[in-house]
Amino acid sequence: MCVVYAAYVNATYAVDADVVGWHSIGMDEPLSERIITPMQKSLVAAVDDFRFANRIASRAEAIRRLIELGLAAAKAAPSKS
């Protein structure tokens, strides 16, 4: 029974990763890199608030969108050098 469950979890994860990878807004390539980073609980709560306010399906997608917004804002901001 454990083997079947593990296979089910892996198949579910693979399908989910494939779907998210091809349908992410602003991304022309499938997801291929995994970044794991610890965060304060308050930052995770802020990401979740953004996620729910914008009806984003997953926390990972919300983080990707926030990174894209931050990079766009940094690019638009005048340089401090």
Protein backbone atom coordinates (compact mmCIF):
# COMPACT_ATOMS: atom_id res chain seq x y z
CA MET A 1 0.00 0.00 0.00
CA CYS A 2 2.86 2.42 0.74
CA VAL A 3 4.36 1.80 -2.69
CA VAL A 4 1.09 2.64 -4.42
CA TYR A 5 0.73 5.81 -2.36
CA ALA A 6 4.29 6.90 -3.16
CA ALA A 7 3.69 6.28 -6.86
CA TYR A 8 0.46 8.26 -6.67
CA VAL A 9 2.16 11.19 -4.93
CA ASN A 10 4.99 11.24 -7.48
CA ALA A 11 2.58 11.08 -10.41
CA THR A 12 0.46 13.85 -8.94
CA TYR A 13 3.51 16.02 -8.36
CA ALA A 14 4.83 15.44 -11.87
CA VAL A 15 1.50 16.39 -13.44
CA ASP A 16 1.18 19.47 -11.23
CA ALA A 17 4.73 20.64 -12.00
CA ASP A 18 4.12 20.20 -15.73
CA VAL A 19 0.84 22.12 -15.68
CA VAL A 20 2.21 24.99 -13.61
CA GLY A 21 5.38 25.15 -15.69
CA TRP A 22 3.64 25.64 -19.00
CA HIS A 23 0.91 27.99 -17.79
CA SER A 24 2.84 30.45 -15.63
CA ILE A 25 2.21 34.05 -16.54
CA GLY A 26 5.21 35.75 -18.11
CA MET A 27 7.27 32.59 -18.50
CA ASP A 28 8.20 31.22 -21.92
CA GLU A 29 9.91 28.07 -20.68
CA PRO A 30 8.90 25.22 -18.40
CA LEU A 31 9.99 25.28 -14.79
CA SER A 32 13.33 23.57 -14.43
CA GLU A 33 15.01 24.98 -11.32
CA ARG A 34 13.99 24.45 -7.72
CA ILE A 35 15.01 27.03 -5.12
CA ILE A 36 14.54 26.25 -1.46
CA THR A 37 14.97 29.12 0.95
CA PRO A 38 13.88 29.60 4.55
CA MET A 39 11.55 32.54 5.27
CA GLN A 40 10.16 34.22 8.37
CA LYS A 41 6.58 33.30 9.22
CA SER A 42 5.53 36.92 8.68
CA LEU A 43 6.90 36.88 5.12
CA VAL A 44 5.12 33.59 4.35
CA ALA A 45 1.91 35.10 5.74
CA ALA A 46 2.36 38.15 3.48
CA VAL A 47 2.88 35.88 0.44
CA ASP A 48 -0.25 33.92 1.36
CA ASP A 49 -2.24 37.15 1.75
CA PHE A 50 -1.09 38.22 -1.74
CA ARG A 51 -1.97 34.77 -3.07
CA PHE A 52 -5.50 34.75 -1.71
CA ALA A 53 -6.18 38.39 -2.60
CA ASN A 54 -5.20 37.68 -6.20
CA ARG A 55 -6.81 34.22 -6.41
CA ILE A 56 -3.53 32.52 -7.26
CA ALA A 57 -3.71 28.72 -7.22
CA SER A 58 -0.46 27.98 -5.38
CA ARG A 59 2.04 29.56 -3.04
CA ALA A 60 4.82 28.80 -5.54
CA GLU A 61 3.02 30.71 -8.29
CA ALA A 62 2.43 33.64 -5.93
CA ILE A 63 6.15 33.74 -5.10
CA ARG A 64 7.05 33.63 -8.82
CA ARG A 65 4.69 36.53 -9.55
CA LEU A 66 6.03 38.57 -6.65
CA ILE A 67 9.59 38.01 -7.86
CA GLU A 68 8.60 39.08 -11.38
CA LEU A 69 6.93 42.23 -9.99
CA GLY A 70 9.98 43.01 -7.85
CA LEU A 71 12.39 42.56 -10.75
CA ALA A 72 10.26 44.77 -13.00
CA ALA A 73 10.12 47.46 -10.30
CA ALA A 74 13.87 47.27 -9.74
CA LYS A 75 14.48 47.59 -13.46
CA ALA A 76 12.20 50.64 -13.68
CA ALA A 77 13.68 52.36 -10.61
CA PRO A 78 16.49 54.85 -11.15
CA SER A 79 19.96 53.49 -10.43
CA LYS A 80 21.56 54.58 -7.13
CA SER A 81 25.12 54.43 -8.49
